[in-house]
Amino acid sequence: MDNHLMLDLDIIKDERLNASTLALFIYLAKETDKNGILVASGEELKVIGRNKDLQTLLSRINTLEEYGYLERLDKVNRKSCYKLNRNFYYKG
């Protein structure tokens, strides 16, 4: 069972990210598979991201993508697919 999530200090020190965007990265990292992949529908993203406003979550995801913390992959069964940059976290 995975019970540790460690972040690289660079993502914590990145002043371009506000606390909510950093928290979203942590929530997403918690849900990734062993390859750093997360597949989720909009409704699932709202639960994972602990936010009822999908547009706010997508804006934060755009920010994380812009700064290289995650990348969007092709959809899987009509769900969004993201790969988090493993240089910024370790899950074990």
PDB file of N, CA and C in Angstrom:
ATOM      1  N   MET A   1       0.835  -1.184   0.000  1.00  0.00           N
ATOM      2  CA  MET A   1       0.000   0.000   0.000  1.00  0.00           C
ATOM      3  C   MET A   1       0.881   1.248   0.000  1.00  0.00           C
ATOM      4  N   ASP A   2       0.554   2.178  -0.880  1.00  0.00           N
ATOM      5  CA  ASP A   2       1.301   3.437  -0.923  1.00  0.00           C
ATOM      6  C   ASP A   2       0.856   4.316   0.241  1.00  0.00           C
ATOM      7  N   ASN A   3       1.810   4.723   1.043  1.00  0.00           N
ATOM      8  CA  ASN A   3       1.439   5.593   2.152  1.00  0.00           C
ATOM      9  C   ASN A   3       2.396   6.755   2.336  1.00  0.00           C
ATOM     10  N   HIS A   4       3.267   6.998   1.337  1.00  0.00           N
ATOM     11  CA  HIS A   4       4.176   8.134   1.393  1.00  0.00           C
ATOM     12  C   HIS A   4       4.087   8.919   0.089  1.00  0.00           C
ATOM     13  N   LEU A   5       4.076  10.214   0.227  1.00  0.00           N
ATOM     14  CA  LEU A   5       4.124  11.097  -0.933  1.00  0.00           C
ATOM     15  C   LEU A   5       5.118  12.198  -0.584  1.00  0.00           C
ATOM     16  N   MET A   6       6.206  12.253  -1.343  1.00  0.00           N
ATOM     17  CA  MET A   6       7.233  13.257  -1.091  1.00  0.00           C
ATOM     18  C   MET A   6       7.294  14.223  -2.271  1.00  0.00           C
ATOM     19  N   LEU A   7       7.423  15.489  -1.960  1.00  0.00           N
ATOM     20  CA  LEU A   7       7.513  16.519  -2.985  1.00  0.00           C
ATOM     21  C   LEU A   7       8.932  17.053  -3.067  1.00  0.00           C
ATOM     22  N   ASP A   8       9.337  17.392  -4.282  1.00  0.00           N
ATOM     23  CA  ASP A   8      10.608  18.076  -4.485  1.00  0.00           C
ATOM     24  C   ASP A   8      10.435  19.521  -4.017  1.00  0.00           C
ATOM     25  N   LEU A   9      11.439  20.061  -3.372  1.00  0.00           N
ATOM     26  CA  LEU A   9      11.335  21.437  -2.863  1.00  0.00           C
ATOM     27  C   LEU A   9      11.140  22.465  -3.971  1.00  0.00           C
ATOM     28  N   ASP A  10      11.585  22.155  -5.185  1.00  0.00           N
ATOM     29  CA  ASP A  10      11.433  23.122  -6.276  1.00  0.00           C
ATOM     30  C   ASP A  10       9.977  23.475  -6.540  1.00  0.00           C
ATOM     31  N   ILE A  11       9.073  22.505  -6.458  1.00  0.00           N
ATOM     32  CA  ILE A  11       7.663  22.809  -6.697  1.00  0.00           C
ATOM     33  C   ILE A  11       7.081  23.621  -5.541  1.00  0.00           C
ATOM     34  N   ILE A  12       7.563  23.362  -4.342  1.00  0.00           N
ATOM     35  CA  ILE A  12       7.083  24.117  -3.180  1.00  0.00           C
ATOM     36  C   ILE A  12       7.581  25.556  -3.231  1.00  0.00           C
ATOM     37  N   LYS A  13       8.798  25.743  -3.706  1.00  0.00           N
ATOM     38  CA  LYS A  13       9.389  27.082  -3.774  1.00  0.00           C
ATOM     39  C   LYS A  13       8.929  27.885  -4.989  1.00  0.00           C
ATOM     40  N   ASP A  14       8.278  27.245  -5.945  1.00  0.00           N
ATOM     41  CA  ASP A  14       7.870  27.923  -7.184  1.00  0.00           C
ATOM     42  C   ASP A  14       6.805  28.975  -6.885  1.00  0.00           C
ATOM     43  N   GLU A  15       7.203  30.227  -6.914  1.00  0.00           N
ATOM     44  CA  GLU A  15       6.305  31.329  -6.564  1.00  0.00           C
ATOM     45  C   GLU A  15       5.230  31.584  -7.616  1.00  0.00           C
ATOM     46  N   ARG A  16       5.336  30.930  -8.760  1.00  0.00           N
ATOM     47  CA  ARG A  16       4.301  31.068  -9.793  1.00  0.00           C
ATOM     48  C   ARG A  16       3.047  30.285  -9.425  1.00  0.00           C
ATOM     49  N   LEU A  17       3.193  29.332  -8.504  1.00  0.00           N
ATOM     50  CA  LEU A  17       2.059  28.510  -8.080  1.00  0.00           C
ATOM     51  C   LEU A  17       1.477  29.047  -6.787  1.00  0.00           C
ATOM     52  N   ASN A  18       0.157  29.217  -6.780  1.00  0.00           N
ATOM     53  CA  ASN A  18      -0.470  29.600  -5.514  1.00  0.00           C
ATOM     54  C   ASN A  18      -0.738  28.332  -4.703  1.00  0.00           C
ATOM     55  N   ALA A  19      -1.148  28.495  -3.484  1.00  0.00           N
ATOM     56  CA  ALA A  19      -1.331  27.358  -2.579  1.00  0.00           C
ATOM     57  C   ALA A  19      -2.378  26.384  -3.110  1.00  0.00           C
ATOM     58  N   SER A  20      -3.431  26.884  -3.732  1.00  0.00           N
ATOM     59  CA  SER A  20      -4.486  26.015  -4.251  1.00  0.00           C
ATOM     60  C   SER A  20      -3.994  25.164  -5.408  1.00  0.00           C
ATOM     61  N   THR A  21      -3.150  25.730  -6.256  1.00  0.00           N
ATOM     62  CA  THR A  21      -2.602  24.972  -7.381  1.00  0.00           C
ATOM     63  C   THR A  21      -1.614  23.926  -6.888  1.00  0.00           C
ATOM     64  N   LEU A  22      -0.801  24.269  -5.909  1.00  0.00           N
ATOM     65  CA  LEU A  22       0.115  23.302  -5.313  1.00  0.00           C
ATOM     66  C   LEU A  22      -0.674  22.174  -4.636  1.00  0.00           C
ATOM     67  N   ALA A  23      -1.738  22.524  -3.932  1.00  0.00           N
ATOM     68  CA  ALA A  23      -2.576  21.507  -3.291  1.00  0.00           C
ATOM     69  C   ALA A  23      -3.178  20.582  -4.346  1.00  0.00           C
ATOM     70  N   LEU A  24      -3.606  21.133  -5.476  1.00  0.00           N
ATOM     71  CA  LEU A  24      -4.167  20.298  -6.537  1.00  0.00           C
ATOM     72  C   LEU A  24      -3.117  19.312  -7.040  1.00  0.00           C
ATOM     73  N   PHE A  25      -1.882  19.763  -7.222  1.00  0.00           N
ATOM     74  CA  PHE A  25      -0.817  18.856  -7.653  1.00  0.00           C
ATOM     75  C   PHE A  25      -0.685  17.697  -6.654  1.00  0.00           C
ATOM     76  N   ILE A  26      -0.727  18.004  -5.381  1.00  0.00           N
ATOM     77  CA  ILE A  26      -0.613  16.966  -4.350  1.00  0.00           C
ATOM     78  C   ILE A  26      -1.794  15.998  -4.435  1.00  0.00           C
ATOM     79  N   TYR A  27      -3.007  16.538  -4.574  1.00  0.00           N
ATOM     80  CA  TYR A  27      -4.192  15.682  -4.687  1.00  0.00           C
ATOM     81  C   TYR A  27      -4.095  14.778  -5.920  1.00  0.00           C
ATOM     82  N   LEU A  28      -3.633  15.344  -7.039  1.00  0.00           N
ATOM     83  CA  LEU A  28      -3.498  14.554  -8.264  1.00  0.00           C
ATOM     84  C   LEU A  28      -2.426  13.484  -8.095  1.00  0.00           C
ATOM     85  N   ALA A  29      -1.294  13.859  -7.511  1.00  0.00           N
ATOM     86  CA  ALA A  29      -0.197  12.908  -7.310  1.00  0.00           C
ATOM     87  C   ALA A  29      -0.648  11.735  -6.449  1.00  0.00           C
ATOM     88  N   LYS A  30      -1.456  12.017  -5.472  1.00  0.00           N
ATOM     89  CA  LYS A  30      -1.964  10.975  -4.576  1.00  0.00           C
ATOM     90  C   LYS A  30      -2.746   9.914  -5.348  1.00  0.00           C
ATOM     91  N   GLU A  31      -3.385  10.315  -6.444  1.00  0.00           N
ATOM     92  CA  GLU A  31      -4.257   9.406  -7.193  1.00  0.00           C
ATOM     93  C   GLU A  31      -3.606   8.767  -8.416  1.00  0.00           C
ATOM     94  N   THR A  32      -2.345   9.076  -8.694  1.00  0.00           N
ATOM     95  CA  THR A  32      -1.703   8.530  -9.894  1.00  0.00           C
ATOM     96  C   THR A  32      -1.374   7.052  -9.727  1.00  0.00           C
ATOM     97  N   ASP A  33      -1.189   6.396 -10.869  1.00  0.00           N
ATOM     98  CA  ASP A  33      -0.720   5.011 -10.821  1.00  0.00           C
ATOM     99  C   ASP A  33       0.799   5.018 -10.693  1.00  0.00           C
ATOM    100  N   LYS A  34       1.425   3.854 -10.775  1.00  0.00           N
ATOM    101  CA  LYS A  34       2.875   3.755 -10.570  1.00  0.00           C
ATOM    102  C   LYS A  34       3.684   4.467 -11.647  1.00  0.00           C
ATOM    103  N   ASN A  35       3.060   4.804 -12.772  1.00  0.00           N
ATOM    104  CA  ASN A  35       3.737   5.520 -13.856  1.00  0.00           C
ATOM    105  C   ASN A  35       3.461   7.019 -13.841  1.00  0.00           C
ATOM    106  N   GLY A  36       2.744   7.480 -12.836  1.00  0.00           N
ATOM    107  CA  GLY A  36       2.426   8.897 -12.748  1.00  0.00           C
ATOM    108  C   GLY A  36       1.242   9.311 -13.599  1.00  0.00           C
ATOM    109  N   ILE A  37       0.411   8.340 -13.995  1.00  0.00           N
ATOM    110  CA  ILE A  37      -0.738   8.600 -14.859  1.00  0.00           C
ATOM    111  C   ILE A  37      -2.011   8.665 -14.021  1.00  0.00           C
ATOM    112  N   LEU A  38      -2.859   9.609 -14.376  1.00  0.00           N
ATOM    113  CA  LEU A  38      -4.169   9.755 -13.748  1.00  0.00           C
ATOM    114  C   LEU A  38      -5.207   9.876 -14.852  1.00  0.00           C
ATOM    115  N   VAL A  39      -6.241   9.065 -14.788  1.00  0.00           N
ATOM    116  CA  VAL A  39      -7.360   9.124 -15.729  1.00  0.00           C
ATOM    117  C   VAL A  39      -8.598   9.450 -14.907  1.00  0.00           C
ATOM    118  N   ALA A  40      -9.290  10.536 -15.276  1.00  0.00           N
ATOM    119  CA  ALA A  40     -10.442  10.960 -14.482  1.00  0.00           C
ATOM    120  C   ALA A  40     -11.424  11.750 -15.336  1.00  0.00           C
ATOM    121  N   SER A  41     -12.686  11.581 -15.035  1.00  0.00           N
ATOM    122  CA  SER A  41     -13.735  12.389 -15.663  1.00  0.00           C
ATOM    123  C   SER A  41     -13.774  13.744 -14.966  1.00  0.00           C
ATOM    124  N   GLY A  42     -14.553  14.659 -15.495  1.00  0.00           N
ATOM    125  CA  GLY A  42     -14.708  15.961 -14.856  1.00  0.00           C
ATOM    126  C   GLY A  42     -15.253  15.836 -13.445  1.00  0.00           C
ATOM    127  N   GLU A  43     -16.239  14.969 -13.274  1.00  0.00           N
ATOM    128  CA  GLU A  43     -16.817  14.767 -11.941  1.00  0.00           C
ATOM    129  C   GLU A  43     -15.787  14.171 -10.986  1.00  0.00           C
ATOM    130  N   GLU A  44     -15.005  13.237 -11.477  1.00  0.00           N
ATOM    131  CA  GLU A  44     -13.958  12.642 -10.635  1.00  0.00           C
ATOM    132  C   GLU A  44     -12.890  13.669 -10.278  1.00  0.00           C
ATOM    133  N   LEU A  45     -12.554  14.547 -11.227  1.00  0.00           N
ATOM    134  CA  LEU A  45     -11.581  15.608 -10.936  1.00  0.00           C
ATOM    135  C   LEU A  45     -12.080  16.520  -9.823  1.00  0.00           C
ATOM    136  N   LYS A  46     -13.376  16.811  -9.821  1.00  0.00           N
ATOM    137  CA  LYS A  46     -13.934  17.666  -8.769  1.00  0.00           C
ATOM    138  C   LYS A  46     -13.789  17.009  -7.397  1.00  0.00           C
ATOM    139  N   VAL A  47     -13.955  15.704  -7.343  1.00  0.00           N
ATOM    140  CA  VAL A  47     -13.794  14.988  -6.070  1.00  0.00           C
ATOM    141  C   VAL A  47     -12.319  14.954  -5.682  1.00  0.00           C
ATOM    142  N   ILE A  48     -11.457  14.570  -6.624  1.00  0.00           N
ATOM    143  CA  ILE A  48     -10.014  14.487  -6.355  1.00  0.00           C
ATOM    144  C   ILE A  48      -9.469  15.847  -5.938  1.00  0.00           C
ATOM    145  N   GLY A  49      -9.861  16.885  -6.675  1.00  0.00           N
ATOM    146  CA  GLY A  49      -9.354  18.232  -6.421  1.00  0.00           C
ATOM    147  C   GLY A  49     -10.054  18.967  -5.302  1.00  0.00           C
ATOM    148  N   ARG A  50     -11.062  18.327  -4.717  1.00  0.00           N
ATOM    149  CA  ARG A  50     -11.801  18.908  -3.591  1.00  0.00           C
ATOM    150  C   ARG A  50     -12.342  20.297  -3.909  1.00  0.00           C
ATOM    151  N   ASN A  51     -12.938  20.395  -5.103  1.00  0.00           N
ATOM    152  CA  ASN A  51     -13.471  21.680  -5.553  1.00  0.00           C
ATOM    153  C   ASN A  51     -14.679  21.404  -6.429  1.00  0.00           C
ATOM    154  N   LYS A  52     -15.770  22.109  -6.210  1.00  0.00           N
ATOM    155  CA  LYS A  52     -16.996  21.896  -6.979  1.00  0.00           C
ATOM    156  C   LYS A  52     -16.982  22.602  -8.322  1.00  0.00           C
ATOM    157  N   ASP A  53     -16.029  23.496  -8.528  1.00  0.00           N
ATOM    158  CA  ASP A  53     -15.978  24.284  -9.756  1.00  0.00           C
ATOM    159  C   ASP A  53     -14.955  23.679 -10.716  1.00  0.00           C
ATOM    160  N   LEU A  54     -15.438  22.972 -11.723  1.00  0.00           N
ATOM    161  CA  LEU A  54     -14.561  22.302 -12.680  1.00  0.00           C
ATOM    162  C   LEU A  54     -13.703  23.302 -13.445  1.00  0.00           C
ATOM    163  N   GLN A  55     -14.248  24.464 -13.786  1.00  0.00           N
ATOM    164  CA  GLN A  55     -13.470  25.458 -14.534  1.00  0.00           C
ATOM    165  C   GLN A  55     -12.262  25.946 -13.739  1.00  0.00           C
ATOM    166  N   THR A  56     -12.431  26.110 -12.435  1.00  0.00           N
ATOM    167  CA  THR A  56     -11.305  26.500 -11.580  1.00  0.00           C
ATOM    168  C   THR A  56     -10.240  25.415 -11.583  1.00  0.00           C
ATOM    169  N   LEU A  57     -10.675  24.162 -11.465  1.00  0.00           N
ATOM    170  CA  LEU A  57      -9.720  23.054 -11.488  1.00  0.00           C
ATOM    171  C   LEU A  57      -8.977  22.990 -12.814  1.00  0.00           C
ATOM    172  N   LEU A  58      -9.701  23.149 -13.914  1.00  0.00           N
ATOM    173  CA  LEU A  58      -9.064  23.095 -15.232  1.00  0.00           C
ATOM    174  C   LEU A  58      -8.085  24.249 -15.420  1.00  0.00           C
ATOM    175  N   SER A  59      -8.406  25.403 -14.865  1.00  0.00           N
ATOM    176  CA  SER A  59      -7.480  26.535 -14.923  1.00  0.00           C
ATOM    177  C   SER A  59      -6.195  26.214 -14.158  1.00  0.00           C
ATOM    178  N   ARG A  60      -6.325  25.580 -13.004  1.00  0.00           N
ATOM    179  CA  ARG A  60      -5.142  25.194 -12.222  1.00  0.00           C
ATOM    180  C   ARG A  60      -4.351  24.105 -12.941  1.00  0.00           C
ATOM    181  N   ILE A  61      -5.047  23.182 -13.587  1.00  0.00           N
ATOM    182  CA  ILE A  61      -4.372  22.147 -14.376  1.00  0.00           C
ATOM    183  C   ILE A  61      -3.607  22.799 -15.525  1.00  0.00           C
ATOM    184  N   ASN A  62      -4.208  23.798 -16.166  1.00  0.00           N
ATOM    185  CA  ASN A  62      -3.517  24.530 -17.233  1.00  0.00           C
ATOM    186  C   ASN A  62      -2.234  25.163 -16.714  1.00  0.00           C
ATOM    187  N   THR A  63      -2.285  25.728 -15.515  1.00  0.00           N
ATOM    188  CA  THR A  63      -1.102  26.334 -14.906  1.00  0.00           C
ATOM    189  C   THR A  63      -0.022  25.278 -14.675  1.00  0.00           C
ATOM    190  N   LEU A  64      -0.411  24.148 -14.111  1.00  0.00           N
ATOM    191  CA  LEU A  64       0.551  23.072 -13.871  1.00  0.00           C
ATOM    192  C   LEU A  64       1.157  22.575 -15.181  1.00  0.00           C
ATOM    193  N   GLU A  65       0.336  22.514 -16.222  1.00  0.00           N
ATOM    194  CA  GLU A  65       0.841  22.090 -17.530  1.00  0.00           C
ATOM    195  C   GLU A  65       1.794  23.135 -18.113  1.00  0.00           C
ATOM    196  N   GLU A  66       1.427  24.388 -18.005  1.00  0.00           N
ATOM    197  CA  GLU A  66       2.248  25.480 -18.533  1.00  0.00           C
ATOM    198  C   GLU A  66       3.648  25.469 -17.928  1.00  0.00           C
ATOM    199  N   TYR A  67       3.760  25.143 -16.647  1.00  0.00           N
ATOM    200  CA  TYR A  67       5.054  25.164 -15.966  1.00  0.00           C
ATOM    201  C   TYR A  67       5.745  23.803 -15.945  1.00  0.00           C
ATOM    202  N   GLY A  68       5.185  22.820 -16.643  1.00  0.00           N
ATOM    203  CA  GLY A  68       5.855  21.540 -16.809  1.00  0.00           C
ATOM    204  C   GLY A  68       5.659  20.534 -15.687  1.00  0.00           C
ATOM    205  N   TYR A  69       4.674  20.765 -14.833  1.00  0.00           N
ATOM    206  CA  TYR A  69       4.431  19.842 -13.731  1.00  0.00           C
ATOM    207  C   TYR A  69       3.556  18.659 -14.134  1.00  0.00           C
ATOM    208  N   LEU A  70       2.828  18.804 -15.215  1.00  0.00           N
ATOM    209  CA  LEU A  70       2.052  17.690 -15.748  1.00  0.00           C
ATOM    210  C   LEU A  70       1.867  17.901 -17.239  1.00  0.00           C
ATOM    211  N   GLU A  71       1.468  16.832 -17.923  1.00  0.00           N
ATOM    212  CA  GLU A  71       1.133  16.948 -19.341  1.00  0.00           C
ATOM    213  C   GLU A  71      -0.163  16.206 -19.584  1.00  0.00           C
ATOM    214  N   ARG A  72      -0.922  16.733 -20.532  1.00  0.00           N
ATOM    215  CA  ARG A  72      -2.164  16.077 -20.925  1.00  0.00           C
ATOM    216  C   ARG A  72      -1.842  15.015 -21.958  1.00  0.00           C
ATOM    217  N   LEU A  73      -2.467  13.871 -21.796  1.00  0.00           N
ATOM    218  CA  LEU A  73      -2.328  12.790 -22.751  1.00  0.00           C
ATOM    219  C   LEU A  73      -3.668  12.626 -23.472  1.00  0.00           C
ATOM    220  N   ASP A  74      -3.698  11.731 -24.444  1.00  0.00           N
ATOM    221  CA  ASP A  74      -4.950  11.462 -25.147  1.00  0.00           C
ATOM    222  C   ASP A  74      -5.981  10.918 -24.169  1.00  0.00           C
ATOM    223  N   LYS A  75      -7.240  11.235 -24.452  1.00  0.00           N
ATOM    224  CA  LYS A  75      -8.328  10.765 -23.590  1.00  0.00           C
ATOM    225  C   LYS A  75      -8.396   9.244 -23.599  1.00  0.00           C
ATOM    226  N   VAL A  76      -8.869   8.700 -22.487  1.00  0.00           N
ATOM    227  CA  VAL A  76      -9.068   7.264 -22.335  1.00  0.00           C
ATOM    228  C   VAL A  76     -10.535   7.050 -21.979  1.00  0.00           C
ATOM    229  N   ASN A  77     -11.257   6.375 -22.851  1.00  0.00           N
ATOM    230  CA  ASN A  77     -12.696   6.153 -22.618  1.00  0.00           C
ATOM    231  C   ASN A  77     -13.422   7.447 -22.271  1.00  0.00           C
ATOM    232  N   ARG A  78     -13.126   8.490 -23.022  1.00  0.00           N
ATOM    233  CA  ARG A  78     -13.738   9.816 -22.881  1.00  0.00           C
ATOM    234  C   ARG A  78     -13.362  10.531 -21.584  1.00  0.00           C
ATOM    235  N   LYS A  79     -12.400  10.001 -20.849  1.00  0.00           N
ATOM    236  CA  LYS A  79     -11.928  10.652 -19.625  1.00  0.00           C
ATOM    237  C   LYS A  79     -10.599  11.339 -19.910  1.00  0.00           C
ATOM    238  N   SER A  80     -10.348  12.419 -19.194  1.00  0.00           N
ATOM    239  CA  SER A  80      -9.077  13.124 -19.323  1.00  0.00           C
ATOM    240  C   SER A  80      -7.963  12.274 -18.743  1.00  0.00           C
ATOM    241  N   CYS A  81      -6.802  12.388 -19.357  1.00  0.00           N
ATOM    242  CA  CYS A  81      -5.648  11.611 -18.922  1.00  0.00           C
ATOM    243  C   CYS A  81      -4.465  12.568 -18.740  1.00  0.00           C
ATOM    244  N   TYR A  82      -3.827  12.492 -17.592  1.00  0.00           N
ATOM    245  CA  TYR A  82      -2.717  13.367 -17.261  1.00  0.00           C
ATOM    246  C   TYR A  82      -1.533  12.529 -16.809  1.00  0.00           C
ATOM    247  N   LYS A  83      -0.347  13.003 -17.134  1.00  0.00           N
ATOM    248  CA  LYS A  83       0.887  12.387 -16.627  1.00  0.00           C
ATOM    249  C   LYS A  83       1.607  13.442 -15.810  1.00  0.00           C
ATOM    250  N   LEU A  84       1.769  13.176 -14.532  1.00  0.00           N
ATOM    251  CA  LEU A  84       2.472  14.114 -13.661  1.00  0.00           C
ATOM    252  C   LEU A  84       3.970  13.917 -13.806  1.00  0.00           C
ATOM    253  N   ASN A  85       4.696  15.019 -13.738  1.00  0.00           N
ATOM    254  CA  ASN A  85       6.149  14.999 -13.881  1.00  0.00           C
ATOM    255  C   ASN A  85       6.764  14.389 -12.626  1.00  0.00           C
ATOM    256  N   ARG A  86       7.341  13.201 -12.776  1.00  0.00           N
ATOM    257  CA  ARG A  86       7.888  12.464 -11.642  1.00  0.00           C
ATOM    258  C   ARG A  86       9.132  13.120 -11.051  1.00  0.00           C
ATOM    259  N   ASN A  87       9.652  14.142 -11.694  1.00  0.00           N
ATOM    260  CA  ASN A  87      10.787  14.869 -11.127  1.00  0.00           C
ATOM    261  C   ASN A  87      10.393  15.676  -9.899  1.00  0.00           C
ATOM    262  N   PHE A  88       9.091  15.861  -9.698  1.00  0.00           N
ATOM    263  CA  PHE A  88       8.640  16.738  -8.618  1.00  0.00           C
ATOM    264  C   PHE A  88       7.943  16.020  -7.478  1.00  0.00           C
ATOM    265  N   TYR A  89       7.812  14.692  -7.577  1.00  0.00           N
ATOM    266  CA  TYR A  89       7.227  13.954  -6.452  1.00  0.00           C
ATOM    267  C   TYR A  89       7.667  12.504  -6.490  1.00  0.00           C
ATOM    268  N   TYR A  90       7.572  11.871  -5.340  1.00  0.00           N
ATOM    269  CA  TYR A  90       7.819  10.442  -5.216  1.00  0.00           C
ATOM    270  C   TYR A  90       6.679   9.859  -4.407  1.00  0.00           C
ATOM    271  N   LYS A  91       6.151   8.776  -4.890  1.00  0.00           N
ATOM    272  CA  LYS A  91       5.052   8.104  -4.201  1.00  0.00           C
ATOM    273  C   LYS A  91       5.499   6.682  -3.907  1.00  0.00           C
ATOM    274  N   GLY A  92       5.480   6.307  -2.643  1.00  0.00           N
ATOM    275  CA  GLY A  92       5.925   4.962  -2.308  1.00  0.00           C
ATOM    276  C   GLY A  92       5.384   4.458  -1.014  1.00  0.00           C
TER     277      GLY A  92
END
